[in-house]
Amino acid sequence: MPLIQVRNLTKVFPLGESAFGGRPKGEVRAVDNVSLDIHSGETLGLVGESGSGKSTLGRLILRLIEPSSGSVIFDGRELLKAGHSEMRRLRRDMQVIFQDPFSSLDPRMRVEDLIAEPLIIHKYAGEDARVPTFLRGGGTGVPARTKAGIGFQVEQLLKAVGLDASVMRRYPHEFSGGQRQRIVIARALALRPKFIVCDEPVSALDVSVGAQIVNLLAQLQRDFGLTYLFISHSMPVVRYLSTRIAVMYRGEIVEINSTDQITENPQHPYTKTLLEATPEIAV
């Protein structure tokens, strides 16, 4: 059974709706009757031009915005029927990495507080069987829910994304874009999620820095047993990281197949256009 099953998912935004309650002049179907599966441990790349509905689809799957119709089943549970308390529990297993790392981080908070915040809110003990051994507080003799235990977990999460514990007392503005994105990734990993939506996580970075982040995501997937929906407009990046690729055009999935099949034998004209138009980059 797939980890995520999306069926006939649709999101319609009213166009030109009056602030005084007048009827909208039209509508925009940002996501139009999309169905797809995401299997545990894989990376499904979602590629398409700007405005094709990729980010909206990612937010719908996480229920950050409500769909107009359709269903999303996550790990056997229907997300769109889940109540507040159940969604709160499910949030531990679903995280997101946004495009702009600076706007993703509260500039008033230190790094240690940014990463510790989800651990404190969800009262996470760090004892899940899915957690790599080096992140389990029990192995250190320090209770995981104490301040020292949370601090240990924050240090190890920073280490996992290639940052030193010395950065814990610093603020987001003191880092480069690539370093900030590593902090965002560390925070996304804090609750040991099963599934992460990576929404254009490297498009705001220099090519070389973006390549480092892509390689880091691949390594973390192996270390943490993660499942990704990787959203991008760059076919080479998607091809490098993804197990399968879904091509989105004007709110619809026009083609979905294995990475090799999509890149070597595309069937849809739009997919062929993307492959021809995107320059090769080294990752």
C-alpha atoms as a PDB file:
ATOM      1  CA  MET A   1       0.000   0.000   0.000  1.00  0.00           C
ATOM      2  CA  PRO A   2       1.407   3.429  -0.918  1.00  0.00           C
ATOM      3  CA  LEU A   3       2.304   5.786   1.909  1.00  0.00           C
ATOM      4  CA  ILE A   4       0.228   8.504   0.218  1.00  0.00           C
ATOM      5  CA  GLN A   5      -2.748   8.079  -2.092  1.00  0.00           C
ATOM      6  CA  VAL A   6      -4.108  11.187  -3.801  1.00  0.00           C
ATOM      7  CA  ARG A   7      -7.418  10.762  -5.623  1.00  0.00           C
ATOM      8  CA  ASN A   8      -9.201  13.325  -7.811  1.00  0.00           C
ATOM      9  CA  LEU A   9      -7.726  16.226  -5.869  1.00  0.00           C
ATOM     10  CA  THR A  10      -8.982  19.614  -7.049  1.00  0.00           C
ATOM     11  CA  LYS A  11      -8.482  23.170  -5.848  1.00  0.00           C
ATOM     12  CA  VAL A  12     -10.487  26.021  -7.339  1.00  0.00           C
ATOM     13  CA  PHE A  13      -9.740  29.642  -6.453  1.00  0.00           C
ATOM     14  CA  PRO A  14     -12.382  32.307  -7.165  1.00  0.00           C
ATOM     15  CA  LEU A  15     -11.254  35.037  -9.544  1.00  0.00           C
ATOM     16  CA  GLY A  16     -12.058  38.676  -8.894  1.00  0.00           C
ATOM     17  CA  GLU A  17     -14.244  38.095  -5.840  1.00  0.00           C
ATOM     18  CA  SER A  18     -15.509  41.302  -4.260  1.00  0.00           C
ATOM     19  CA  ALA A  19     -14.472  42.189  -0.719  1.00  0.00           C
ATOM     20  CA  PHE A  20     -18.134  43.048  -0.065  1.00  0.00           C
ATOM     21  CA  GLY A  21     -19.423  39.601  -0.908  1.00  0.00           C
ATOM     22  CA  GLY A  22     -20.123  40.014  -4.607  1.00  0.00           C
ATOM     23  CA  ARG A  23     -20.054  37.041  -6.925  1.00  0.00           C
ATOM     24  CA  PRO A  24     -16.630  36.117  -8.342  1.00  0.00           C
ATOM     25  CA  LYS A  25     -16.040  36.868 -12.006  1.00  0.00           C
ATOM     26  CA  GLY A  26     -14.584  33.434 -12.658  1.00  0.00           C
ATOM     27  CA  GLU A  27     -12.358  30.766 -11.223  1.00  0.00           C
ATOM     28  CA  VAL A  28      -8.862  29.351 -11.482  1.00  0.00           C
ATOM     29  CA  ARG A  29      -8.444  25.580 -11.264  1.00  0.00           C
ATOM     30  CA  ALA A  30      -4.981  25.543  -9.699  1.00  0.00           C
ATOM     31  CA  VAL A  31      -5.107  21.758  -9.255  1.00  0.00           C
ATOM     32  CA  ASP A  32      -7.453  19.853 -11.525  1.00  0.00           C
ATOM     33  CA  ASN A  33      -8.504  16.285 -10.688  1.00  0.00           C
ATOM     34  CA  VAL A  34      -5.032  15.013  -9.758  1.00  0.00           C
ATOM     35  CA  SER A  35      -4.494  11.379  -8.741  1.00  0.00           C
ATOM     36  CA  LEU A  36      -1.138   9.856  -7.801  1.00  0.00           C
ATOM     37  CA  ASP A  37       0.577   7.523  -5.330  1.00  0.00           C
ATOM     38  CA  ILE A  38       3.785   8.076  -3.365  1.00  0.00           C
ATOM     39  CA  HIS A  39       5.429   4.925  -2.051  1.00  0.00           C
ATOM     40  CA  SER A  40       7.348   4.663   1.198  1.00  0.00           C
ATOM     41  CA  GLY A  41      11.069   5.398   0.777  1.00  0.00           C
ATOM     42  CA  GLU A  42      10.848   6.875  -2.712  1.00  0.00           C
ATOM     43  CA  THR A  43      11.288  10.366  -4.076  1.00  0.00           C
ATOM     44  CA  LEU A  44       8.523  11.469  -6.403  1.00  0.00           C
ATOM     45  CA  GLY A  45       9.737  14.442  -8.404  1.00  0.00           C
ATOM     46  CA  LEU A  46       7.041  16.949  -9.369  1.00  0.00           C
ATOM     47  CA  VAL A  47       8.197  19.121 -12.233  1.00  0.00           C
ATOM     48  CA  GLY A  48       6.586  21.853 -14.293  1.00  0.00           C
ATOM     49  CA  GLU A  49       6.805  25.531 -15.126  1.00  0.00           C
ATOM     50  CA  SER A  50       5.936  28.299 -12.672  1.00  0.00           C
ATOM     51  CA  GLY A  51       2.191  28.556 -12.162  1.00  0.00           C
ATOM     52  CA  SER A  52       1.483  24.954 -13.093  1.00  0.00           C
ATOM     53  CA  GLY A  53       0.091  24.149  -9.622  1.00  0.00           C
ATOM     54  CA  LYS A  54       3.026  22.238  -8.130  1.00  0.00           C
ATOM     55  CA  SER A  55       3.274  24.104  -4.836  1.00  0.00           C
ATOM     56  CA  THR A  56      -0.504  24.173  -4.435  1.00  0.00           C
ATOM     57  CA  LEU A  57      -0.589  20.395  -4.842  1.00  0.00           C
ATOM     58  CA  GLY A  58       2.112  19.985  -2.197  1.00  0.00           C
ATOM     59  CA  ARG A  59       0.187  22.145   0.251  1.00  0.00           C
ATOM     60  CA  LEU A  60      -3.038  20.285  -0.459  1.00  0.00           C
ATOM     61  CA  ILE A  61      -1.380  16.949   0.298  1.00  0.00           C
ATOM     62  CA  LEU A  62      -0.188  18.329   3.657  1.00  0.00           C
ATOM     63  CA  ARG A  63      -3.587  19.953   4.219  1.00  0.00           C
ATOM     64  CA  LEU A  64      -2.006  23.352   4.646  1.00  0.00           C
ATOM     65  CA  ILE A  65      -4.834  24.534   2.390  1.00  0.00           C
ATOM     66  CA  GLU A  66      -8.189  22.821   2.008  1.00  0.00           C
ATOM     67  CA  PRO A  67      -9.102  21.241  -1.348  1.00  0.00           C
ATOM     68  CA  SER A  68     -12.305  21.889  -3.249  1.00  0.00           C
ATOM     69  CA  SER A  69     -12.779  18.137  -3.723  1.00  0.00           C
ATOM     70  CA  GLY A  70     -10.912  14.843  -3.704  1.00  0.00           C
ATOM     71  CA  SER A  71      -9.140  12.787  -1.065  1.00  0.00           C
ATOM     72  CA  VAL A  72      -5.680  12.316   0.442  1.00  0.00           C
ATOM     73  CA  ILE A  73      -4.917   9.098   2.302  1.00  0.00           C
ATOM     74  CA  PHE A  74      -1.731   9.184   4.366  1.00  0.00           C
ATOM     75  CA  ASP A  75      -0.510   5.924   5.885  1.00  0.00           C
ATOM     76  CA  GLY A  76      -4.026   4.513   5.674  1.00  0.00           C
ATOM     77  CA  ARG A  77      -5.768   7.579   7.161  1.00  0.00           C
ATOM     78  CA  GLU A  78      -8.011   9.985   5.280  1.00  0.00           C
ATOM     79  CA  LEU A  79      -6.471  13.389   6.016  1.00  0.00           C
ATOM     80  CA  LEU A  80      -9.409  15.464   4.863  1.00  0.00           C
ATOM     81  CA  LYS A  81     -11.695  13.829   7.419  1.00  0.00           C
ATOM     82  CA  ALA A  82      -9.252  14.064  10.315  1.00  0.00           C
ATOM     83  CA  GLY A  83     -10.186  16.292  13.238  1.00  0.00           C
ATOM     84  CA  HIS A  84      -7.902  18.822  14.915  1.00  0.00           C
ATOM     85  CA  SER A  85      -6.377  16.442  17.461  1.00  0.00           C
ATOM     86  CA  GLU A  86      -5.746  13.708  14.889  1.00  0.00           C
ATOM     87  CA  MET A  87      -4.175  16.188  12.458  1.00  0.00           C
ATOM     88  CA  ARG A  88      -1.912  17.402  15.243  1.00  0.00           C
ATOM     89  CA  ARG A  89      -0.637  13.855  15.719  1.00  0.00           C
ATOM     90  CA  LEU A  90      -0.249  13.354  11.974  1.00  0.00           C
ATOM     91  CA  ARG A  91       1.767  16.580  11.635  1.00  0.00           C
ATOM     92  CA  ARG A  92       4.687  14.789  13.291  1.00  0.00           C
ATOM     93  CA  ASP A  93       4.923  12.492  10.285  1.00  0.00           C
ATOM     94  CA  MET A  94       4.550  15.200   7.610  1.00  0.00           C
ATOM     95  CA  GLN A  95       6.889  18.143   7.187  1.00  0.00           C
ATOM     96  CA  VAL A  96       7.734  20.717   4.529  1.00  0.00           C
ATOM     97  CA  ILE A  97      10.862  22.525   3.332  1.00  0.00           C
ATOM     98  CA  PHE A  98       9.990  25.793   1.597  1.00  0.00           C
ATOM     99  CA  GLN A  99      11.790  27.642  -1.174  1.00  0.00           C
ATOM    100  CA  ASP A 100      13.007  30.660   0.811  1.00  0.00           C
ATOM    101  CA  PRO A 101      14.863  29.587   3.954  1.00  0.00           C
ATOM    102  CA  PHE A 102      15.027  33.121   5.367  1.00  0.00           C
ATOM    103  CA  SER A 103      11.250  33.599   5.439  1.00  0.00           C
ATOM    104  CA  SER A 104      10.896  30.092   6.918  1.00  0.00           C
ATOM    105  CA  LEU A 105      12.818  31.075  10.069  1.00  0.00           C
ATOM    106  CA  ASP A 106      11.719  33.504  12.781  1.00  0.00           C
ATOM    107  CA  PRO A 107      14.499  36.153  12.777  1.00  0.00           C
ATOM    108  CA  ARG A 108      13.972  36.762  16.511  1.00  0.00           C
ATOM    109  CA  MET A 109      14.815  33.191  17.521  1.00  0.00           C
ATOM    110  CA  ARG A 110      18.199  31.553  17.925  1.00  0.00           C
ATOM    111  CA  VAL A 111      18.999  28.406  15.974  1.00  0.00           C
ATOM    112  CA  GLU A 112      18.745  26.170  19.049  1.00  0.00           C
ATOM    113  CA  ASP A 113      15.241  27.474  19.785  1.00  0.00           C
ATOM    114  CA  LEU A 114      14.106  27.165  16.176  1.00  0.00           C
ATOM    115  CA  ILE A 115      15.019  23.486  16.035  1.00  0.00           C
ATOM    116  CA  ALA A 116      13.885  22.700  19.590  1.00  0.00           C
ATOM    117  CA  GLU A 117      10.466  24.333  19.115  1.00  0.00           C
ATOM    118  CA  PRO A 118       8.731  21.335  17.434  1.00  0.00           C
ATOM    119  CA  LEU A 119      10.280  18.967  20.002  1.00  0.00           C
ATOM    120  CA  ILE A 120       8.832  21.032  22.832  1.00  0.00           C
ATOM    121  CA  ILE A 121       5.426  21.623  21.233  1.00  0.00           C
ATOM    122  CA  HIS A 122       4.924  17.932  20.456  1.00  0.00           C
ATOM    123  CA  LYS A 123       6.669  16.752  23.648  1.00  0.00           C
ATOM    124  CA  TYR A 124       8.784  14.445  21.548  1.00  0.00           C
ATOM    125  CA  ALA A 125      10.948  11.985  23.488  1.00  0.00           C
ATOM    126  CA  GLY A 126      13.284  10.874  20.705  1.00  0.00           C
ATOM    127  CA  GLU A 127      12.646   7.196  21.355  1.00  0.00           C
ATOM    128  CA  ASP A 128      10.956   6.235  18.086  1.00  0.00           C
ATOM    129  CA  ALA A 129      12.340   3.089  16.459  1.00  0.00           C
ATOM    130  CA  ARG A 130      12.762   5.012  13.205  1.00  0.00           C
ATOM    131  CA  VAL A 131      15.278   7.373  14.797  1.00  0.00           C
ATOM    132  CA  PRO A 132      18.942   6.704  13.951  1.00  0.00           C
ATOM    133  CA  THR A 133      20.824   5.494  17.027  1.00  0.00           C
ATOM    134  CA  PHE A 134      22.962   8.620  17.301  1.00  0.00           C
ATOM    135  CA  LEU A 135      19.812  10.739  17.788  1.00  0.00           C
ATOM    136  CA  ARG A 136      18.287   8.694  20.597  1.00  0.00           C
ATOM    137  CA  GLY A 137      18.619  10.470  23.927  1.00  0.00           C
ATOM    138  CA  GLY A 138      18.552   7.176  25.823  1.00  0.00           C
ATOM    139  CA  GLY A 139      21.981   6.192  24.522  1.00  0.00           C
ATOM    140  CA  THR A 140      23.580   9.242  26.167  1.00  0.00           C
ATOM    141  CA  GLY A 141      22.238   8.693  29.667  1.00  0.00           C
ATOM    142  CA  VAL A 142      20.429  12.047  29.369  1.00  0.00           C
ATOM    143  CA  PRO A 143      16.591  11.957  29.565  1.00  0.00           C
ATOM    144  CA  ALA A 144      15.336  13.032  26.149  1.00  0.00           C
ATOM    145  CA  ARG A 145      12.622  15.385  27.433  1.00  0.00           C
ATOM    146  CA  THR A 146      14.888  17.420  29.703  1.00  0.00           C
ATOM    147  CA  LYS A 147      16.510  20.652  28.555  1.00  0.00           C
ATOM    148  CA  ALA A 148      19.841  18.842  28.259  1.00  0.00           C
ATOM    149  CA  GLY A 149      18.225  16.011  26.316  1.00  0.00           C
ATOM    150  CA  ILE A 150      16.580  18.388  23.850  1.00  0.00           C
ATOM    151  CA  GLY A 151      19.865  20.274  23.505  1.00  0.00           C
ATOM    152  CA  PHE A 152      21.613  17.008  22.661  1.00  0.00           C
ATOM    153  CA  GLN A 153      19.049  16.231  19.973  1.00  0.00           C
ATOM    154  CA  VAL A 154      19.424  19.717  18.493  1.00  0.00           C
ATOM    155  CA  GLU A 155      23.211  19.283  18.349  1.00  0.00           C
ATOM    156  CA  GLN A 156      22.872  15.929  16.589  1.00  0.00           C
ATOM    157  CA  LEU A 157      20.333  17.275  14.110  1.00  0.00           C
ATOM    158  CA  LEU A 158      22.702  20.115  13.241  1.00  0.00           C
ATOM    159  CA  LYS A 159      25.493  17.593  12.834  1.00  0.00           C
ATOM    160  CA  ALA A 160      23.295  15.524  10.514  1.00  0.00           C
ATOM    161  CA  VAL A 161      22.882  18.500   8.154  1.00  0.00           C
ATOM    162  CA  GLY A 162      26.559  19.455   8.236  1.00  0.00           C
ATOM    163  CA  LEU A 163      26.565  22.251  10.816  1.00  0.00           C
ATOM    164  CA  ASP A 164      28.570  22.562  14.016  1.00  0.00           C
ATOM    165  CA  ALA A 165      27.001  22.945  17.475  1.00  0.00           C
ATOM    166  CA  SER A 166      28.705  26.342  17.732  1.00  0.00           C
ATOM    167  CA  VAL A 167      25.937  27.840  15.545  1.00  0.00           C
ATOM    168  CA  MET A 168      23.216  27.140  18.134  1.00  0.00           C
ATOM    169  CA  ARG A 169      23.318  30.584  19.761  1.00  0.00           C
ATOM    170  CA  ARG A 170      23.287  32.521  16.497  1.00  0.00           C
ATOM    171  CA  TYR A 171      20.370  34.128  14.627  1.00  0.00           C
ATOM    172  CA  PRO A 172      19.182  33.346  11.051  1.00  0.00           C
ATOM    173  CA  HIS A 173      20.487  36.619   9.581  1.00  0.00           C
ATOM    174  CA  GLU A 174      24.045  35.584  10.480  1.00  0.00           C
ATOM    175  CA  PHE A 175      24.062  32.711   7.965  1.00  0.00           C
ATOM    176  CA  SER A 176      24.289  32.297   4.213  1.00  0.00           C
ATOM    177  CA  GLY A 177      21.307  31.025   2.212  1.00  0.00           C
ATOM    178  CA  GLY A 178      22.683  27.499   2.057  1.00  0.00           C
ATOM    179  CA  GLN A 179      23.358  27.416   5.808  1.00  0.00           C
ATOM    180  CA  ARG A 180      19.844  28.690   6.522  1.00  0.00           C
ATOM    181  CA  GLN A 181      18.367  25.948   4.362  1.00  0.00           C
ATOM    182  CA  ARG A 182      20.359  23.379   6.353  1.00  0.00           C
ATOM    183  CA  ILE A 183      18.824  24.789   9.532  1.00  0.00           C
ATOM    184  CA  VAL A 184      15.351  24.514   7.975  1.00  0.00           C
ATOM    185  CA  ILE A 185      16.071  20.888   7.060  1.00  0.00           C
ATOM    186  CA  ALA A 186      17.277  20.131  10.589  1.00  0.00           C
ATOM    187  CA  ARG A 187      14.044  21.552  11.985  1.00  0.00           C
ATOM    188  CA  ALA A 188      11.990  19.498   9.519  1.00  0.00           C
ATOM    189  CA  LEU A 189      13.779  16.358  10.742  1.00  0.00           C
ATOM    190  CA  ALA A 190      13.265  17.118  14.438  1.00  0.00           C
ATOM    191  CA  LEU A 191      10.058  15.062  14.783  1.00  0.00           C
ATOM    192  CA  ARG A 192      11.437  12.199  12.666  1.00  0.00           C
ATOM    193  CA  PRO A 193       8.797  12.483   9.908  1.00  0.00           C
ATOM    194  CA  LYS A 194       7.977   9.792   7.402  1.00  0.00           C
ATOM    195  CA  PHE A 195       7.205  12.239   4.595  1.00  0.00           C
ATOM    196  CA  ILE A 196       8.625  15.624   3.565  1.00  0.00           C
ATOM    197  CA  VAL A 197       7.421  17.960   0.831  1.00  0.00           C
ATOM    198  CA  CYS A 198      10.481  19.722  -0.586  1.00  0.00           C
ATOM    199  CA  ASP A 199       8.983  22.774  -2.281  1.00  0.00           C
ATOM    200  CA  GLU A 200      11.655  24.221  -4.589  1.00  0.00           C
ATOM    201  CA  PRO A 201      14.270  23.906  -1.803  1.00  0.00           C
ATOM    202  CA  VAL A 202      17.255  24.877  -3.986  1.00  0.00           C
ATOM    203  CA  SER A 203      15.804  27.371  -6.479  1.00  0.00           C
ATOM    204  CA  ALA A 204      16.727  30.373  -4.288  1.00  0.00           C
ATOM    205  CA  LEU A 205      20.343  29.197  -3.928  1.00  0.00           C
ATOM    206  CA  ASP A 206      23.449  29.384  -6.107  1.00  0.00           C
ATOM    207  CA  VAL A 207      23.908  26.353  -8.339  1.00  0.00           C
ATOM    208  CA  SER A 208      26.883  24.976  -6.391  1.00  0.00           C
ATOM    209  CA  VAL A 209      25.185  25.488  -3.023  1.00  0.00           C
ATOM    210  CA  GLY A 210      21.965  24.015  -4.378  1.00  0.00           C
ATOM    211  CA  ALA A 211      23.872  20.921  -5.505  1.00  0.00           C
ATOM    212  CA  GLN A 212      25.207  20.490  -1.967  1.00  0.00           C
ATOM    213  CA  ILE A 213      21.673  20.683  -0.551  1.00  0.00           C
ATOM    214  CA  VAL A 214      20.399  18.129  -3.082  1.00  0.00           C
ATOM    215  CA  ASN A 215      23.179  15.738  -2.108  1.00  0.00           C
ATOM    216  CA  LEU A 216      22.389  16.346   1.573  1.00  0.00           C
ATOM    217  CA  LEU A 217      18.706  15.496   0.991  1.00  0.00           C
ATOM    218  CA  ALA A 218      19.720  12.271  -0.728  1.00  0.00           C
ATOM    219  CA  GLN A 219      21.972  11.322   2.187  1.00  0.00           C
ATOM    220  CA  LEU A 220      19.316  12.142   4.776  1.00  0.00           C
ATOM    221  CA  GLN A 221      16.789  10.040   2.918  1.00  0.00           C
ATOM    222  CA  ARG A 222      19.059   7.043   3.342  1.00  0.00           C
ATOM    223  CA  ASP A 223      19.883   7.830   6.990  1.00  0.00           C
ATOM    224  CA  PHE A 224      16.327   8.592   8.139  1.00  0.00           C
ATOM    225  CA  GLY A 225      14.273   6.407   5.794  1.00  0.00           C
ATOM    226  CA  LEU A 226      12.418   9.417   4.380  1.00  0.00           C
ATOM    227  CA  THR A 227       9.861   9.708   1.607  1.00  0.00           C
ATOM    228  CA  TYR A 228       9.990  12.902  -0.486  1.00  0.00           C
ATOM    229  CA  LEU A 229       7.737  14.840  -2.789  1.00  0.00           C
ATOM    230  CA  PHE A 230      10.406  16.965  -4.486  1.00  0.00           C
ATOM    231  CA  ILE A 231       8.936  19.971  -6.297  1.00  0.00           C
ATOM    232  CA  SER A 232      11.052  21.805  -8.845  1.00  0.00           C
ATOM    233  CA  HIS A 233      11.017  23.445 -12.269  1.00  0.00           C
ATOM    234  CA  SER A 234      14.482  22.040 -12.997  1.00  0.00           C
ATOM    235  CA  MET A 235      14.374  18.690 -14.763  1.00  0.00           C
ATOM    236  CA  PRO A 236      18.096  17.862 -14.177  1.00  0.00           C
ATOM    237  CA  VAL A 237      17.737  18.280 -10.401  1.00  0.00           C
ATOM    238  CA  VAL A 238      14.538  16.239 -10.343  1.00  0.00           C
ATOM    239  CA  ARG A 239      16.120  13.544 -12.503  1.00  0.00           C
ATOM    240  CA  TYR A 240      19.117  13.266 -10.171  1.00  0.00           C
ATOM    241  CA  LEU A 241      17.114  12.854  -6.964  1.00  0.00           C
ATOM    242  CA  SER A 242      13.861  11.183  -7.994  1.00  0.00           C
ATOM    243  CA  THR A 243      12.751   7.587  -8.222  1.00  0.00           C
ATOM    244  CA  ARG A 244       9.756   8.594 -10.342  1.00  0.00           C
ATOM    245  CA  ILE A 245       8.753  11.862 -11.995  1.00  0.00           C
ATOM    246  CA  ALA A 246       5.326  13.453 -12.369  1.00  0.00           C
ATOM    247  CA  VAL A 247       4.992  16.235 -14.934  1.00  0.00           C
ATOM    248  CA  MET A 248       2.433  18.938 -14.147  1.00  0.00           C
ATOM    249  CA  TYR A 249       0.935  21.346 -16.649  1.00  0.00           C
ATOM    250  CA  ARG A 250      -1.911  23.811 -16.012  1.00  0.00           C
ATOM    251  CA  GLY A 251      -3.037  22.037 -12.861  1.00  0.00           C
ATOM    252  CA  GLU A 252      -3.008  18.524 -14.296  1.00  0.00           C
ATOM    253  CA  ILE A 253      -0.550  15.619 -14.148  1.00  0.00           C
ATOM    254  CA  VAL A 254       0.086  15.000 -17.836  1.00  0.00           C
ATOM    255  CA  GLU A 255       2.648  12.221 -17.392  1.00  0.00           C
ATOM    256  CA  ILE A 256       4.022  10.117 -14.547  1.00  0.00           C
ATOM    257  CA  ASN A 257       6.550   7.324 -14.815  1.00  0.00           C
ATOM    258  CA  SER A 258       9.970   6.136 -13.690  1.00  0.00           C
ATOM    259  CA  THR A 259      12.810   8.627 -13.970  1.00  0.00           C
ATOM    260  CA  ASP A 260      14.489   6.667 -16.754  1.00  0.00           C
ATOM    261  CA  GLN A 261      11.255   6.376 -18.737  1.00  0.00           C
ATOM    262  CA  ILE A 262      10.438  10.072 -18.422  1.00  0.00           C
ATOM    263  CA  THR A 263      13.917  11.285 -19.377  1.00  0.00           C
ATOM    264  CA  GLU A 264      14.697   8.748 -22.088  1.00  0.00           C
ATOM    265  CA  ASN A 265      11.291   8.144 -23.648  1.00  0.00           C
ATOM    266  CA  PRO A 266       8.863  10.965 -22.774  1.00  0.00           C
ATOM    267  CA  GLN A 267       5.359  10.566 -24.150  1.00  0.00           C
ATOM    268  CA  HIS A 268       3.727  13.951 -23.641  1.00  0.00           C
ATOM    269  CA  PRO A 269       4.753  16.957 -25.797  1.00  0.00           C
ATOM    270  CA  TYR A 270       5.079  19.176 -22.705  1.00  0.00           C
ATOM    271  CA  THR A 271       7.517  16.729 -21.109  1.00  0.00           C
ATOM    272  CA  LYS A 272       9.595  16.760 -24.285  1.00  0.00           C
ATOM    273  CA  THR A 273       9.608  20.565 -24.218  1.00  0.00           C
ATOM    274  CA  LEU A 274      10.832  20.615 -20.608  1.00  0.00           C
ATOM    275  CA  LEU A 275      13.660  18.215 -21.397  1.00  0.00           C
ATOM    276  CA  GLU A 276      14.748  20.216 -24.422  1.00  0.00           C
ATOM    277  CA  ALA A 277      14.552  23.608 -22.686  1.00  0.00           C
ATOM    278  CA  THR A 278      16.350  22.853 -19.420  1.00  0.00           C
ATOM    279  CA  PRO A 279      20.153  23.178 -19.418  1.00  0.00           C
ATOM    280  CA  GLU A 280      22.252  20.418 -17.873  1.00  0.00           C
ATOM    281  CA  ILE A 281      23.889  21.118 -14.507  1.00  0.00           C
ATOM    282  CA  ALA A 282      26.363  19.091 -12.535  1.00  0.00           C
ATOM    283  CA  VAL A 283      25.079  17.733  -9.221  1.00  0.00           C
END
